[in-house]
Amino acid sequence: GMKLAVLTGDAKFHHLFLFDCCDEDGDMIEVLVNGERFAIIPLTHHGATISVPVSASQATSLATRGLHDGGGGVTVGCVSSSGTTYLRRMSVGETQAVDLVRQ
């Protein structure tokens, strides 16, 4: 569905900046768009920006899943048009929803 939305121009891209908001200790996350793997991000204090397609005609969900915990839980900070969000500490395998676009 999302591939077709991108190809037909139905999707707009929104930027998401992800960073390790506590100790830089090797945490890694997986970003899921509509439940499907979109990207794997090693978390650092420097951070990484990804561009996420959001469909204009269908609901788009975004979540993060903990892949590797360097110690003390997977700690994620997110910056999007919704503002800055600090997710609760995640365990490996745990998933949390992320707001990408201010409603």
Protein backbone atom coordinates (compact mmCIF):
# COMPACT_ATOMS: atom_id res chain seq x y z
CA GLY A 1 0.00 0.00 0.00
CA MET A 2 2.65 2.57 0.99
CA LYS A 3 4.82 1.80 -2.06
CA LEU A 4 1.87 2.56 -4.32
CA ALA A 5 1.12 5.77 -2.39
CA VAL A 6 4.72 6.92 -2.92
CA LEU A 7 4.67 6.01 -6.62
CA THR A 8 1.35 7.76 -7.26
CA GLY A 9 2.33 10.86 -5.29
CA ASP A 10 -0.31 10.21 -2.61
CA ALA A 11 2.33 10.21 0.14
CA LYS A 12 4.21 13.16 1.59
CA PHE A 13 7.54 12.68 3.33
CA HIS A 14 7.96 13.84 6.91
CA HIS A 15 11.28 13.98 8.72
CA LEU A 16 11.96 12.22 11.99
CA PHE A 17 15.15 12.85 13.97
CA LEU A 18 16.03 9.99 16.35
CA PHE A 19 18.72 10.05 19.02
CA ASP A 20 19.88 8.31 22.19
CA CYS A 21 18.52 10.53 24.96
CA CYS A 22 20.59 8.98 27.78
CA ASP A 23 23.92 7.15 27.75
CA GLU A 24 25.29 6.47 24.27
CA ASP A 25 25.75 2.76 24.86
CA GLY A 26 24.95 0.97 21.60
CA ASP A 27 21.14 1.02 21.66
CA MET A 28 19.50 0.15 18.33
CA ILE A 29 15.89 0.47 17.18
CA GLU A 30 13.79 -0.60 14.25
CA VAL A 31 11.35 1.94 12.78
CA LEU A 32 8.05 0.44 11.65
CA VAL A 33 5.66 2.12 9.19
CA ASN A 34 2.23 0.47 9.19
CA GLY A 35 3.78 -2.46 11.07
CA GLU A 36 6.45 -3.11 8.40
CA ARG A 37 10.20 -2.63 8.85
CA PHE A 38 11.23 0.73 7.43
CA ALA A 39 14.69 1.35 8.92
CA ILE A 40 17.17 0.15 11.52
CA ILE A 41 18.77 3.00 13.46
CA PRO A 42 21.82 2.78 15.74
CA LEU A 43 21.14 5.44 18.38
CA THR A 44 23.80 8.06 19.16
CA HIS A 45 23.78 11.51 20.72
CA HIS A 46 24.51 12.91 17.24
CA GLY A 47 21.30 11.26 15.99
CA ALA A 48 19.94 10.34 12.59
CA THR A 49 17.21 11.82 10.42
CA ILE A 50 14.93 9.66 8.32
CA SER A 51 12.20 10.68 5.88
CA VAL A 52 8.98 8.75 6.43
CA PRO A 53 6.19 8.52 3.82
CA VAL A 54 2.76 9.46 5.16
CA SER A 55 -0.25 8.72 2.96
CA ALA A 56 -2.83 11.47 2.46
CA SER A 57 -5.65 8.98 1.79
CA GLN A 58 -5.03 6.26 4.39
CA ALA A 59 -3.96 6.11 8.01
CA THR A 60 -0.21 5.77 8.55
CA SER A 61 1.14 4.38 11.82
CA LEU A 62 4.69 4.81 13.02
CA ALA A 63 6.39 2.90 15.82
CA THR A 64 9.82 2.05 17.16
CA ARG A 65 10.92 -1.38 18.38
CA GLY A 66 13.94 -1.99 20.60
CA LEU A 67 16.52 -4.17 18.83
CA HIS A 68 19.57 -3.89 21.08
CA ASP A 69 19.98 -2.61 24.61
CA GLY A 70 23.44 -1.36 25.46
CA GLY A 71 22.48 -1.27 29.15
CA GLY A 72 19.70 0.31 31.19
CA GLY A 73 17.01 0.03 28.53
CA VAL A 74 16.69 1.34 24.97
CA THR A 75 16.40 5.13 25.33
CA VAL A 76 15.01 7.09 22.38
CA GLY A 77 14.39 10.76 21.75
CA CYS A 78 12.38 11.83 18.67
CA VAL A 79 11.95 15.21 17.01
CA SER A 80 9.20 15.69 14.39
CA SER A 81 6.63 18.31 13.46
CA SER A 82 4.77 17.13 16.59
CA GLY A 83 7.68 18.39 18.71
CA THR A 84 10.25 16.60 20.82
CA THR A 85 9.25 13.34 22.50
CA TYR A 86 11.20 11.13 24.87
CA LEU A 87 9.93 7.56 24.70
CA ARG A 88 9.84 5.48 27.86
CA ARG A 89 12.74 3.06 28.31
CA MET A 90 12.15 0.04 26.11
CA SER A 91 13.22 -3.57 26.41
CA VAL A 92 14.46 -5.49 23.39
CA GLY A 93 11.40 -6.46 21.36
CA GLU A 94 9.15 -3.82 22.92
CA THR A 95 7.29 -1.47 20.54
CA GLN A 96 6.11 2.11 21.11
CA ALA A 97 3.98 4.31 18.86
CA VAL A 98 5.41 7.64 17.70
CA ASP A 99 3.46 10.75 16.63
CA LEU A 100 5.02 12.05 13.43
CA VAL A 101 2.67 14.80 12.33
CA ARG A 102 0.94 17.40 14.46
CA GLN A 103 -2.80 16.92 14.08
